C-alpha atoms as a PDB file:
ATOM      1  CA  MET A   1     -11.469  29.819   8.318  1.00  0.00           C
ATOM      2  CA  SER A   2      -8.692  31.340   7.153  1.00  0.00           C
ATOM      3  CA  SER A   3      -5.910  30.032   5.217  1.00  0.00           C
ATOM      4  CA  LEU A   4      -3.402  27.140   6.482  1.00  0.00           C
ATOM      5  CA  LYS A   5      -0.076  26.986   6.926  1.00  0.00           C
ATOM      6  CA  ILE A   6       1.690  24.087   5.925  1.00  0.00           C
ATOM      7  CA  GLY A   7       2.378  23.328  10.056  1.00  0.00           C
ATOM      8  CA  GLU A   8      -0.970  23.893  10.529  1.00  0.00           C
ATOM      9  CA  LEU A   9      -2.041  21.592   7.702  1.00  0.00           C
ATOM     10  CA  ALA A  10      -0.042  18.605   8.693  1.00  0.00           C
ATOM     11  CA  ARG A  11      -1.546  18.757  12.354  1.00  0.00           C
ATOM     12  CA  ARG A  12      -4.869  18.956  10.943  1.00  0.00           C
ATOM     13  CA  SER A  13      -4.768  16.335   8.574  1.00  0.00           C
ATOM     14  CA  GLY A  14      -2.689  14.165  10.739  1.00  0.00           C
ATOM     15  CA  LEU A  15      -0.113  13.885   7.930  1.00  0.00           C
ATOM     16  CA  SER A  16       3.619  15.015   8.070  1.00  0.00           C
ATOM     17  CA  VAL A  17       5.067  18.019   6.418  1.00  0.00           C
ATOM     18  CA  GLU A  18       6.506  15.990   4.234  1.00  0.00           C
ATOM     19  CA  THR A  19       4.014  13.989   2.796  1.00  0.00           C
ATOM     20  CA  LEU A  20       2.451  17.014   1.927  1.00  0.00           C
ATOM     21  CA  ARG A  21       5.281  18.424  -0.017  1.00  0.00           C
ATOM     22  CA  TYR A  22       5.571  14.889  -1.449  1.00  0.00           C
ATOM     23  CA  TYR A  23       1.541  15.030  -2.639  1.00  0.00           C
ATOM     24  CA  GLU A  24       2.228  18.398  -3.807  1.00  0.00           C
ATOM     25  CA  ARG A  25       5.117  17.210  -5.932  1.00  0.00           C
ATOM     26  CA  ARG A  26       2.936  14.465  -7.318  1.00  0.00           C
ATOM     27  CA  GLY A  27       0.044  16.705  -8.198  1.00  0.00           C
ATOM     28  CA  LEU A  28      -2.196  15.109  -5.359  1.00  0.00           C
ATOM     29  CA  ILE A  29      -2.770  18.580  -4.204  1.00  0.00           C
ATOM     30  CA  PRO A  30      -2.353  21.954  -6.261  1.00  0.00           C
ATOM     31  CA  HIS A  31       0.755  23.979  -5.402  1.00  0.00           C
ATOM     32  CA  PRO A  32      -0.077  26.517  -2.641  1.00  0.00           C
ATOM     33  CA  GLU A  33       0.542  30.224  -2.657  1.00  0.00           C
ATOM     34  CA  ARG A  34       2.816  31.305  -0.700  1.00  0.00           C
ATOM     35  CA  LEU A  35       3.555  34.277   1.625  1.00  0.00           C
ATOM     36  CA  PRO A  36       5.928  37.100   0.734  1.00  0.00           C
ATOM     37  CA  SER A  37       8.012  35.491   3.337  1.00  0.00           C
ATOM     38  CA  GLY A  38       7.597  32.192   1.437  1.00  0.00           C
ATOM     39  CA  TYR A  39       5.383  30.056   3.805  1.00  0.00           C
ATOM     40  CA  ARG A  40       3.082  27.867   1.986  1.00  0.00           C
ATOM     41  CA  VAL A  41      -0.862  28.627   2.460  1.00  0.00           C
ATOM     42  CA  TYR A  42      -3.673  25.893   1.872  1.00  0.00           C
ATOM     43  CA  PRO A  43      -7.043  27.319   1.875  1.00  0.00           C
ATOM     44  CA  PRO A  44      -9.184  25.226   4.133  1.00  0.00           C
ATOM     45  CA  ALA A  45     -10.735  22.692   1.590  1.00  0.00           C
ATOM     46  CA  ILE A  46      -7.514  21.197   1.006  1.00  0.00           C
ATOM     47  CA  LEU A  47      -8.382  19.182   4.116  1.00  0.00           C
ATOM     48  CA  GLN A  48     -11.357  17.643   2.005  1.00  0.00           C
ATOM     49  CA  ARG A  49      -9.172  16.792  -0.380  1.00  0.00           C
ATOM     50  CA  LEU A  50      -6.335  14.941   1.848  1.00  0.00           C
ATOM     51  CA  ALA A  51      -9.279  12.969   3.015  1.00  0.00           C
ATOM     52  CA  PHE A  52     -10.429  11.806   0.117  1.00  0.00           C
ATOM     53  CA  ILE A  53      -6.545  10.810  -0.649  1.00  0.00           C
ATOM     54  CA  ARG A  54      -6.162   9.107   2.608  1.00  0.00           C
ATOM     55  CA  ARG A  55      -9.380   7.310   2.052  1.00  0.00           C
ATOM     56  CA  CYS A  56      -8.059   6.054  -1.402  1.00  0.00           C
ATOM     57  CA  LYS A  57      -4.956   5.030   0.585  1.00  0.00           C
ATOM     58  CA  ALA A  58      -6.703   2.967   3.233  1.00  0.00           C
ATOM     59  CA  LEU A  59      -8.512   1.017  -0.052  1.00  0.00           C
ATOM     60  CA  GLY A  60      -5.412   0.300  -1.630  1.00  0.00           C
ATOM     61  CA  PHE A  61      -5.571   2.564  -4.286  1.00  0.00           C
ATOM     62  CA  THR A  62      -1.901   3.760  -5.534  1.00  0.00           C
ATOM     63  CA  LEU A  63      -1.207   7.045  -5.720  1.00  0.00           C
ATOM     64  CA  GLU A  64      -1.444   7.126  -9.676  1.00  0.00           C
ATOM     65  CA  GLU A  65      -5.240   5.400  -9.214  1.00  0.00           C
ATOM     66  CA  THR A  66      -6.218   8.285  -6.361  1.00  0.00           C
ATOM     67  CA  LEU A  67      -4.795  11.011  -8.806  1.00  0.00           C
ATOM     68  CA  ASP A  68      -6.826   9.606 -11.567  1.00  0.00           C
ATOM     69  CA  LEU A  69      -9.842   9.323  -8.969  1.00  0.00           C
ATOM     70  CA  LEU A  70      -9.390  12.801  -8.002  1.00  0.00           C
ATOM     71  CA  GLN A  71      -9.626  13.912 -11.793  1.00  0.00           C
ATOM     72  CA  LEU A  72     -12.870  12.161 -12.459  1.00  0.00           C
ATOM     73  CA  GLN A  73     -13.943  13.844  -9.277  1.00  0.00           C
ATOM     74  CA  GLN A  74     -12.906  17.256 -10.488  1.00  0.00           C
ATOM     75  CA  HIS A  75     -14.946  16.617 -13.884  1.00  0.00           C
ATOM     76  CA  PRO A  76     -18.518  15.881 -12.803  1.00  0.00           C
ATOM     77  CA  GLU A  77     -19.861  15.489 -16.222  1.00  0.00           C
ATOM     78  CA  LEU A  78     -17.954  12.424 -16.717  1.00  0.00           C
ATOM     79  CA  GLU A  79     -20.033   9.103 -16.183  1.00  0.00           C
ATOM     80  CA  SER A  80     -20.105   7.082 -12.960  1.00  0.00           C
ATOM     81  CA  ALA A  81     -18.982   4.111 -14.916  1.00  0.00           C
ATOM     82  CA  ALA A  82     -15.152   5.203 -14.896  1.00  0.00           C
ATOM     83  CA  VAL A  83     -14.875   5.179 -11.136  1.00  0.00           C
ATOM     84  CA  LYS A  84     -16.563   1.946 -10.722  1.00  0.00           C
ATOM     85  CA  GLN A  85     -14.288   0.455 -13.160  1.00  0.00           C
ATOM     86  CA  ARG A  86     -11.132   1.882 -11.294  1.00  0.00           C
ATOM     87  CA  VAL A  87     -13.072   0.174  -7.809  1.00  0.00           C
ATOM     88  CA  GLU A  88     -13.588  -2.879  -9.808  1.00  0.00           C
ATOM     89  CA  GLN A  89     -10.039  -2.929 -10.874  1.00  0.00           C
ATOM     90  CA  ARG A  90      -8.917  -2.668  -7.704  1.00  0.00           C
ATOM     91  CA  ILE A  91     -11.077  -5.634  -6.232  1.00  0.00           C
ATOM     92  CA  VAL A  92      -9.456  -7.699  -8.834  1.00  0.00           C
ATOM     93  CA  ASP A  93      -6.077  -6.908  -7.818  1.00  0.00           C
ATOM     94  CA  ILE A  94      -6.867  -7.365  -4.167  1.00  0.00           C
ATOM     95  CA  ARG A  95      -8.250 -11.178  -4.774  1.00  0.00           C
ATOM     96  CA  SER A  96      -5.067 -11.877  -6.996  1.00  0.00           C
ATOM     97  CA  LYS A  97      -2.940 -10.213  -3.673  1.00  0.00           C
ATOM     98  CA  VAL A  98      -5.407 -12.370  -1.213  1.00  0.00           C
ATOM     99  CA  ARG A  99      -4.287 -15.844  -3.554  1.00  0.00           C
ATOM    100  CA  ASP A 100      -1.042 -15.030  -3.299  1.00  0.00           C
ATOM    101  CA  LEU A 101      -1.114 -14.020   0.210  1.00  0.00           C
ATOM    102  CA  GLN A 102      -2.908 -17.668   1.055  1.00  0.00           C
ATOM    103  CA  GLN A 103      -0.034 -19.231  -0.954  1.00  0.00           C
ATOM    104  CA  ILE A 104       2.675 -17.910   1.134  1.00  0.00           C
ATOM    105  CA  LEU A 105       0.854 -18.377   4.554  1.00  0.00           C
ATOM    106  CA  ALA A 106       0.481 -21.998   3.456  1.00  0.00           C
ATOM    107  CA  ALA A 107       4.079 -22.582   2.348  1.00  0.00           C
ATOM    108  CA  LEU A 108       5.068 -20.707   5.814  1.00  0.00           C
ATOM    109  CA  GLU A 109       2.889 -23.320   7.499  1.00  0.00           C
ATOM    110  CA  GLY A 110       4.167 -26.134   5.829  1.00  0.00           C
ATOM    111  CA  LEU A 111       7.915 -24.639   6.690  1.00  0.00           C
ATOM    112  CA  SER A 112       6.899 -24.301  10.567  1.00  0.00           C
ATOM    113  CA  ALA A 113       5.662 -28.128  10.376  1.00  0.00           C
ATOM    114  CA  LEU A 114       8.932 -29.011   9.319  1.00  0.00           C
ATOM    115  CA  CYS A 115      10.811 -27.783  12.743  1.00  0.00           C
ATOM    116  CA  ASP A 116      10.235 -28.691  16.108  1.00  0.00           C
ATOM    117  CA  GLY A 117      12.370 -25.689  17.356  1.00  0.00           C
ATOM    118  CA  LYS A 118      14.700 -27.873  19.501  1.00  0.00           C
ATOM    119  CA  GLY A 119      18.061 -28.532  18.326  1.00  0.00           C
ATOM    120  CA  SER A 120      20.706 -26.223  17.129  1.00  0.00           C
ATOM    121  CA  ALA A 121      19.979 -24.027  13.790  1.00  0.00           C
ATOM    122  CA  ALA A 122      22.302 -25.959  11.838  1.00  0.00           C
ATOM    123  CA  ASP A 123      20.240 -28.895  11.545  1.00  0.00           C
ATOM    124  CA  CYS A 124      17.342 -27.109  11.240  1.00  0.00           C
ATOM    125  CA  PRO A 125      14.941 -28.198   8.481  1.00  0.00           C
ATOM    126  CA  ILE A 126      13.501 -24.791   7.709  1.00  0.00           C
ATOM    127  CA  LEU A 127      16.671 -23.185   6.768  1.00  0.00           C
ATOM    128  CA  ALA A 128      17.891 -26.599   4.924  1.00  0.00           C
ATOM    129  CA  PHE A 129      15.050 -26.145   2.831  1.00  0.00           C
ATOM    130  CA  LEU A 130      15.495 -22.270   2.275  1.00  0.00           C
ATOM    131  CA  GLU A 131      19.123 -22.819   1.397  1.00  0.00           C
ATOM    132  CA  GLN A 132      18.497 -25.151  -1.686  1.00  0.00           C
ATOM    133  CA  GLU A 133      20.117 -23.910  -4.351  1.00  0.00           C
ATOM    134  CA  SER A 134      17.682 -25.081  -7.563  1.00  0.00           C
ATOM    135  CA  ASP A 135      15.399 -22.990  -8.647  1.00  0.00           C
ATOM    136  CA  ALA A 136      13.683 -25.515 -10.300  1.00  0.00           C
ATOM    137  CA  PRO A 137       9.626 -26.154  -8.399  1.00  0.00           C
ATOM    138  CA  ARG A 138      10.611 -27.338  -4.850  1.00  0.00           C
ATOM    139  CA  PRO A 139       8.135 -29.740  -3.355  1.00  0.00           C
ATOM    140  CA  CYS A 140       6.201 -29.070  -0.722  1.00  0.00           C
ATOM    141  CA  PRO A 141       7.697 -28.916   2.789  1.00  0.00           C
ATOM    142  CA  GLN A 142       5.076 -31.121   3.927  1.00  0.00           C
ATOM    143  CA  ASP A 143       6.805 -33.747   1.218  1.00  0.00           C
ATOM    144  CA  ALA A 144      10.269 -32.865   2.398  1.00  0.00           C
ATOM    145  CA  ASP A 145       9.561 -34.072   5.793  1.00  0.00           C
ATOM    146  CA  LYS A 146       7.961 -37.342   4.711  1.00  0.00           C
ATOM    147  CA  THR A 147      11.100 -38.462   2.388  1.00  0.00           C
ATOM    148  CA  ARG A 148      13.226 -37.751   5.224  1.00  0.00           C
ATOM    149  CA  ARG A 149      11.210 -40.612   7.641  1.00  0.00           C
END
């Protein structure tokens, strides 16, 4: 297989030309050779690197973390513990985000329970709750509903 111009690489990788240029600027992919015409040409092996980057992204790694993993990949003499540490940290981060999302979900469910969806928006208890000025801890929407009765 011969070298790939950026358009062909974009098509085969499923990424946009702009994404490829961005990855190049961020150091995720090496700067390609250029033809005398100025076209970028990439070696076919770049497709494997882009697949690696895509899998990292799908697993929630940031671009900086992905770059770190790529650098570890380039140094097979390093211990796999360094790679495992990155994955373990990602697990900790995701568990934290899941807890945060569960709290947001519970709050939204509580807000939704406040409103029967009838009447005018001016009387909507959800909007009234959201309009509160205080930054102090607020009662749970379910508690606010109980105080209105």
